Amino acid sequence: MLSRIADSLYWLDRYMERTDGVLRILRTEYVLSLDKGNNSMPSWRPVLKTFTQADEGQMATLEFDTAKSLQFIIADAENTNSLRALLTRARENARGAQDHITKEVWEQVNHVYHTVINPVIEEKLKGHEALALLDSMTEMVTLYKGVTGSTMPRSMGWNFMNLGKYIERAMITLEVTNRYFNEINFNLQDTKDILYWRQLLLSLSGYELHLKTYRNTQYTLNVAEQVFFNRQFTRSIRYSLDKIGHYLDDVIDMNNPAEKELLKREFGRLRCKIKYADLDQIKQQSPEKFIADIRLNLLQFNKLLTQVFFSYA
């Protein structure tokens, strides 16, 4: 497979995974903004800061305006990190690798893309249809994943797509988790109740699993265990790294690159930091440093992966 094709497939799934993650977070934040029990209107600043490059002036204008924030994050053509921009790049990558994806995958990417560029979307985001639109787009991206999983051949292209997906998923989990732990100064002994952590868990589609799995009231420790180590949670760091390891092995077996041992060592160091860690170690190291180290190692691994397979300088 040409490195150009592998690169396109890798980024196709990275962009689609990021779209999925942002949509789930937006839905959670939007529902919270409708909660009349809040003493004040929740700010969109944390989401804008995490998922856009809005400057201070833009954030000051947008942070307490739900409709304008949604429009900026989802449909603004000038926002280079909007969902419109992400889906445009995903579609370009799908077009570049069209001979290596199925017709169904191409059609689903096209469907989501044409939904987000439709001019009526801005009007829907201003009114009562906003929640329905978020749900509809989330369903479209979920269908993309289902179509991809059920129609794509398990070839080299499939492996590169999944490497992109799970690297992006791990990055999103780290970004969102860091935000919520930052608000409690990364103190694992903090006694925040489940209502505080529910927002994080809903953003990662892990609230129901949490209620079924954890029976004690040590919510902060339970959430940390779930997002970092729970192998049953499909958005935990441990689960994502296990998947990356699986698809990395397949890619190496199919390509046998000269740098294969270097790749294995780089990924092995990253994986061991999660595989052999526990909550006691995180307490000693501090959650802030633990998250920062995992994020840095993941970025270093991603850089090496792209250099080896995509000929990045």
Protein backbone atom coordinates (compact mmCIF):
# COMPACT_ATOMS: atom_id res chain seq x y z
CA MET A 1 0.00 0.00 0.00
CA LEU A 2 1.28 3.48 -0.88
CA SER A 3 2.14 5.64 2.12
CA ARG A 4 -0.22 8.31 0.72
CA ILE A 5 -3.15 5.87 0.87
CA ALA A 6 -2.24 4.65 4.36
CA ASP A 7 -2.02 8.27 5.50
CA SER A 8 -5.47 9.07 4.07
CA LEU A 9 -7.09 6.07 5.75
CA TYR A 10 -5.42 6.83 9.06
CA TRP A 11 -6.64 10.44 9.03
CA LEU A 12 -10.09 9.52 7.76
CA ASP A 13 -10.79 7.61 10.95
CA ARG A 14 -9.02 10.14 13.17
CA TYR A 15 -11.27 12.91 11.89
CA MET A 16 -14.40 10.78 12.18
CA GLU A 17 -13.49 9.71 15.73
CA ARG A 18 -12.84 13.31 16.75
CA THR A 19 -16.20 14.32 15.23
CA ASP A 20 -17.89 11.61 17.28
CA GLY A 21 -16.13 12.67 20.48
CA VAL A 22 -16.94 16.35 20.06
CA LEU A 23 -20.60 15.61 19.29
CA ARG A 24 -21.00 13.56 22.47
CA ILE A 25 -19.42 16.32 24.53
CA LEU A 26 -21.58 18.99 22.88
CA ARG A 27 -24.74 17.03 23.60
CA THR A 28 -23.80 16.65 27.26
CA GLU A 29 -22.99 20.34 27.59
CA TYR A 30 -26.15 21.37 25.73
CA VAL A 31 -28.42 19.30 27.98
CA LEU A 32 -26.69 20.84 31.01
CA SER A 33 -27.35 24.32 29.60
CA LEU A 34 -31.09 23.52 29.68
CA ASP A 35 -31.02 22.56 33.35
CA LYS A 36 -33.04 25.23 35.12
CA GLY A 37 -31.66 24.02 38.43
CA ASN A 38 -28.30 25.63 37.80
CA ASN A 39 -27.65 28.87 39.65
CA SER A 40 -26.03 30.36 36.58
CA MET A 41 -25.69 29.63 32.89
CA PRO A 42 -22.83 27.13 32.40
CA SER A 43 -19.96 28.50 30.37
CA TRP A 44 -18.91 27.05 27.01
CA ARG A 45 -15.36 28.33 27.58
CA PRO A 46 -13.87 24.93 28.56
CA VAL A 47 -15.23 23.29 25.39
CA LEU A 48 -14.16 26.22 23.22
CA LYS A 49 -10.70 26.12 24.78
CA THR A 50 -10.32 22.36 24.27
CA PHE A 51 -11.72 21.93 20.79
CA THR A 52 -11.22 25.24 19.00
CA GLN A 53 -8.54 27.87 18.52
CA ALA A 54 -10.82 30.72 19.56
CA ASP A 55 -8.94 33.70 20.92
CA GLU A 56 -9.83 35.44 24.19
CA GLY A 57 -12.12 37.92 22.46
CA GLN A 58 -14.07 35.20 20.67
CA MET A 59 -14.44 33.14 23.85
CA ALA A 60 -15.68 36.16 25.79
CA THR A 61 -18.35 36.69 23.12
CA LEU A 62 -19.37 33.04 22.82
CA GLU A 63 -19.01 31.46 26.24
CA PHE A 64 -22.50 32.25 27.56
CA ASP A 65 -24.32 32.06 24.21
CA THR A 66 -25.31 28.46 23.55
CA ALA A 67 -26.57 28.96 19.99
CA LYS A 68 -23.51 30.90 18.86
CA SER A 69 -21.13 28.47 20.56
CA LEU A 70 -22.77 25.49 18.86
CA GLN A 71 -22.69 27.27 15.52
CA PHE A 72 -19.00 28.14 15.95
CA ILE A 73 -17.98 24.62 17.00
CA ILE A 74 -20.12 22.77 14.46
CA ALA A 75 -20.69 24.82 11.34
CA ASP A 76 -18.44 27.91 11.22
CA ALA A 77 -16.46 27.88 7.97
CA GLU A 78 -13.85 30.22 9.49
CA ASN A 79 -13.18 27.93 12.45
CA THR A 80 -10.45 25.56 11.27
CA ASN A 81 -11.34 23.06 14.02
CA SER A 82 -15.12 23.08 13.54
CA LEU A 83 -16.94 19.85 12.75
CA ARG A 84 -17.48 21.27 9.28
CA ALA A 85 -13.70 21.52 8.86
CA LEU A 86 -13.10 18.06 10.34
CA LEU A 87 -15.68 16.43 8.07
CA THR A 88 -14.34 18.29 5.03
CA ARG A 89 -10.90 16.81 5.74
CA ALA A 90 -12.38 13.38 6.40
CA ARG A 91 -14.18 13.49 3.06
CA GLU A 92 -11.01 14.61 1.26
CA ASN A 93 -9.12 11.70 2.75
CA ALA A 94 -11.91 9.29 1.86
CA ARG A 95 -11.86 10.60 -1.71
CA GLY A 96 -8.09 10.16 -1.88
CA ALA A 97 -8.40 6.52 -0.78
CA GLN A 98 -11.69 5.76 -2.51
CA ASP A 99 -10.36 2.60 -4.18
CA HIS A 100 -9.47 1.24 -0.74
CA ILE A 101 -12.76 1.83 1.07
CA THR A 102 -16.16 0.36 0.36
CA LYS A 103 -18.95 2.21 -1.40
CA GLU A 104 -20.96 2.16 1.81
CA VAL A 105 -18.19 3.86 3.78
CA TRP A 106 -17.83 6.58 1.15
CA GLU A 107 -21.58 7.18 1.07
CA GLN A 108 -21.80 7.50 4.85
CA VAL A 109 -18.91 9.98 5.02
CA ASN A 110 -20.63 11.96 2.26
CA HIS A 111 -23.92 11.86 4.13
CA VAL A 112 -22.46 13.33 7.33
CA TYR A 113 -20.48 15.93 5.35
CA HIS A 114 -23.52 17.18 3.41
CA THR A 115 -25.51 17.40 6.64
CA VAL A 116 -22.99 19.70 8.30
CA ILE A 117 -22.56 22.01 5.27
CA ASN A 118 -26.30 22.41 4.76
CA PRO A 119 -27.19 26.10 5.34
CA VAL A 120 -30.28 25.18 7.39
CA ILE A 121 -28.07 23.80 10.14
CA GLU A 122 -27.39 27.26 11.54
CA GLU A 123 -31.10 27.96 11.98
CA LYS A 124 -31.63 24.60 13.67
CA LEU A 125 -28.84 25.31 16.14
CA LYS A 126 -30.59 28.51 17.25
CA GLY A 127 -33.82 26.89 18.33
CA HIS A 128 -35.48 23.87 19.81
CA GLU A 129 -34.16 21.58 17.04
CA ALA A 130 -30.56 21.82 18.29
CA LEU A 131 -30.74 18.72 20.49
CA ALA A 132 -32.39 16.67 17.75
CA LEU A 133 -29.67 17.77 15.33
CA LEU A 134 -26.90 16.75 17.75
CA ASP A 135 -28.57 13.36 18.22
CA SER A 136 -29.02 12.91 14.49
CA MET A 137 -25.39 13.72 13.69
CA THR A 138 -24.14 11.45 16.48
CA GLU A 139 -26.26 8.65 15.02
CA MET A 140 -24.80 9.29 11.55
CA VAL A 141 -21.25 8.98 12.86
CA THR A 142 -22.21 5.85 14.80
CA LEU A 143 -23.60 4.44 11.55
CA TYR A 144 -20.29 5.27 9.87
CA LYS A 145 -18.53 3.12 12.45
CA GLY A 146 -21.02 0.32 11.97
CA VAL A 147 -20.79 0.46 8.19
CA THR A 148 -17.01 0.54 8.37
CA GLY A 149 -16.89 -2.42 10.73
CA SER A 150 -19.30 -4.52 8.69
CA THR A 151 -18.11 -3.76 5.13
CA MET A 152 -14.37 -3.01 5.21
CA PRO A 153 -12.03 -5.92 4.41
CA ARG A 154 -9.58 -6.73 7.20
CA SER A 155 -6.63 -5.60 5.14
CA MET A 156 -3.78 -3.18 5.76
CA GLY A 157 -6.10 -0.24 5.20
CA TRP A 158 -8.39 -1.45 7.97
CA ASN A 159 -5.43 -1.59 10.35
CA PHE A 160 -4.34 1.98 9.58
CA MET A 161 -7.90 3.23 10.01
CA ASN A 162 -8.10 1.67 13.46
CA LEU A 163 -4.72 3.01 14.50
CA GLY A 164 -6.03 6.49 13.71
CA LYS A 165 -9.31 5.86 15.51
CA TYR A 166 -7.85 4.62 18.78
CA ILE A 167 -5.02 7.15 18.93
CA GLU A 168 -7.62 9.90 18.54
CA ARG A 169 -9.92 8.27 21.09
CA ALA A 170 -7.16 8.11 23.67
CA MET A 171 -6.29 11.76 23.06
CA ILE A 172 -9.91 12.86 23.55
CA THR A 173 -10.24 10.86 26.77
CA LEU A 174 -7.05 12.43 28.11
CA GLU A 175 -8.16 15.95 27.13
CA VAL A 176 -11.61 15.69 28.67
CA THR A 177 -10.45 13.86 31.81
CA ASN A 178 -7.72 16.43 32.38
CA ARG A 179 -10.33 19.20 32.27
CA TYR A 180 -12.51 17.69 35.00
CA PHE A 181 -9.64 16.70 37.27
CA ASN A 182 -8.13 20.16 36.84
CA GLU A 183 -11.29 21.65 38.35
CA ILE A 184 -10.62 19.71 41.58
CA ASN A 185 -6.88 20.48 41.48
CA PHE A 186 -6.13 16.86 40.56
CA ASN A 187 -6.95 15.76 44.11
CA LEU A 188 -8.03 12.10 44.09
CA GLN A 189 -9.20 12.47 47.69
CA ASP A 190 -11.77 15.08 46.68
CA THR A 191 -15.29 13.99 47.64
CA LYS A 192 -17.13 15.23 44.55
CA ASP A 193 -20.39 13.32 44.17
CA ILE A 194 -21.66 11.43 41.16
CA LEU A 195 -23.54 14.49 39.85
CA TYR A 196 -20.20 16.19 39.21
CA TRP A 197 -18.65 13.17 37.52
CA ARG A 198 -21.78 12.34 35.56
CA GLN A 199 -20.97 15.09 33.08
CA LEU A 200 -17.55 13.60 32.30
CA LEU A 201 -18.93 10.08 32.11
CA LEU A 202 -21.78 11.10 29.81
CA SER A 203 -19.30 12.91 27.55
CA LEU A 204 -17.39 9.62 27.24
CA SER A 205 -20.51 7.41 27.06
CA GLY A 206 -19.50 5.71 30.29
CA TYR A 207 -22.14 6.74 32.83
CA GLU A 208 -24.30 3.62 32.55
CA LEU A 209 -21.25 1.34 32.82
CA HIS A 210 -20.11 3.25 35.89
CA LEU A 211 -23.42 2.76 37.69
CA LYS A 212 -23.39 -0.96 36.89
CA THR A 213 -19.74 -1.52 37.84
CA TYR A 214 -18.89 0.61 40.88
CA ARG A 215 -20.90 0.12 44.07
CA ASN A 216 -19.09 2.27 46.64
CA THR A 217 -19.25 6.05 46.97
CA GLN A 218 -15.58 6.81 46.29
CA TYR A 219 -16.62 8.48 43.08
CA THR A 220 -13.39 10.32 42.30
CA LEU A 221 -11.26 7.19 42.64
CA ASN A 222 -13.82 5.11 40.75
CA VAL A 223 -13.88 7.55 37.83
CA ALA A 224 -10.08 7.61 37.70
CA GLU A 225 -10.00 3.80 37.64
CA GLN A 226 -12.62 3.69 34.91
CA VAL A 227 -11.12 6.23 32.50
CA PHE A 228 -7.54 5.00 32.90
CA PHE A 229 -7.63 1.27 33.58
CA ASN A 230 -11.05 -0.33 32.97
CA ARG A 231 -10.61 -2.78 30.07
CA GLN A 232 -14.38 -3.12 29.68
CA PHE A 233 -14.80 0.61 29.05
CA THR A 234 -14.32 1.27 25.35
CA ARG A 235 -13.05 4.82 25.90
CA SER A 236 -10.59 4.08 28.68
CA ILE A 237 -6.91 4.67 28.03
CA ARG A 238 -6.16 1.00 28.71
CA TYR A 239 -8.75 -0.18 26.17
CA SER A 240 -7.52 2.23 23.49
CA LEU A 241 -3.88 1.24 24.00
CA ASP A 242 -4.76 -2.46 23.83
CA LYS A 243 -6.44 -1.84 20.49
CA ILE A 244 -3.52 0.26 19.20
CA GLY A 245 -1.15 -2.56 20.15
CA HIS A 246 -3.26 -5.10 18.27
CA TYR A 247 -3.42 -3.10 15.04
CA LEU A 248 0.22 -2.03 15.32
CA ASP A 249 1.27 -5.69 15.43
CA ASP A 250 -0.79 -6.39 12.31
CA VAL A 251 0.69 -3.41 10.44
CA ILE A 252 4.23 -4.43 11.37
CA ASP A 253 3.61 -8.04 10.32
CA MET A 254 2.26 -6.93 6.93
CA ASN A 255 4.99 -4.34 6.25
CA ASN A 256 8.04 -5.52 8.21
CA PRO A 257 9.54 -2.00 8.38
CA ALA A 258 13.20 -1.57 9.24
CA GLU A 259 12.19 0.48 12.27
CA LYS A 260 9.86 -2.19 13.67
CA GLU A 261 11.86 -2.75 16.86
CA LEU A 262 12.00 1.00 17.49
CA LEU A 263 8.24 1.22 17.03
CA LYS A 264 7.64 -1.69 19.39
CA ARG A 265 9.88 -0.22 22.06
CA GLU A 266 8.27 3.22 21.81
CA PHE A 267 4.78 1.78 22.09
CA GLY A 268 5.85 -0.70 24.77
CA ARG A 269 7.06 2.11 27.03
CA LEU A 270 3.73 3.88 26.60
CA ARG A 271 1.62 0.78 27.18
CA CYS A 272 3.54 -0.24 30.29
CA LYS A 273 2.77 3.11 31.93
CA ILE A 274 -0.90 2.10 31.92
CA LYS A 275 -0.64 -1.69 32.10
CA TYR A 276 1.44 -1.74 35.26
CA ALA A 277 0.10 1.39 36.92
CA ASP A 278 -2.58 1.68 39.59
CA LEU A 279 -4.35 4.39 41.57
CA ASP A 280 -1.70 4.39 44.29
CA GLN A 281 0.98 5.21 41.72
CA ILE A 282 -1.16 8.00 40.28
CA LYS A 283 -1.61 9.46 43.76
CA GLN A 284 2.15 9.45 44.34
CA GLN A 285 2.96 10.87 40.92
CA SER A 286 -0.06 13.23 40.83
CA PRO A 287 -2.85 12.79 38.27
CA GLU A 288 -1.75 15.95 36.47
CA LYS A 289 1.73 14.60 35.76
CA PHE A 290 0.38 11.13 34.97
CA ILE A 291 -1.98 12.50 32.31
CA ALA A 292 0.71 14.79 30.91
CA ASP A 293 3.21 11.92 30.65
CA ILE A 294 0.74 9.61 28.91
CA ARG A 295 -0.23 12.37 26.49
CA LEU A 296 3.42 13.19 25.71
CA ASN A 297 4.32 9.53 25.15
CA LEU A 298 1.28 9.06 22.92
CA LEU A 299 2.29 12.07 20.83
CA GLN A 300 5.85 10.74 20.57
CA PHE A 301 4.60 7.34 19.45
CA ASN A 302 2.25 8.93 16.93
CA LYS A 303 5.12 11.02 15.54
CA LEU A 304 7.30 7.94 15.06
CA LEU A 305 4.41 5.97 13.53
CA THR A 306 3.74 8.66 10.94
CA GLN A 307 7.43 9.03 10.15
CA VAL A 308 7.84 5.30 9.55
CA PHE A 309 4.70 4.64 7.51
CA PHE A 310 3.69 7.97 5.98
CA SER A 311 7.15 9.41 5.27
CA TYR A 312 6.57 12.49 7.40
CA ALA A 313 9.74 14.52 7.92
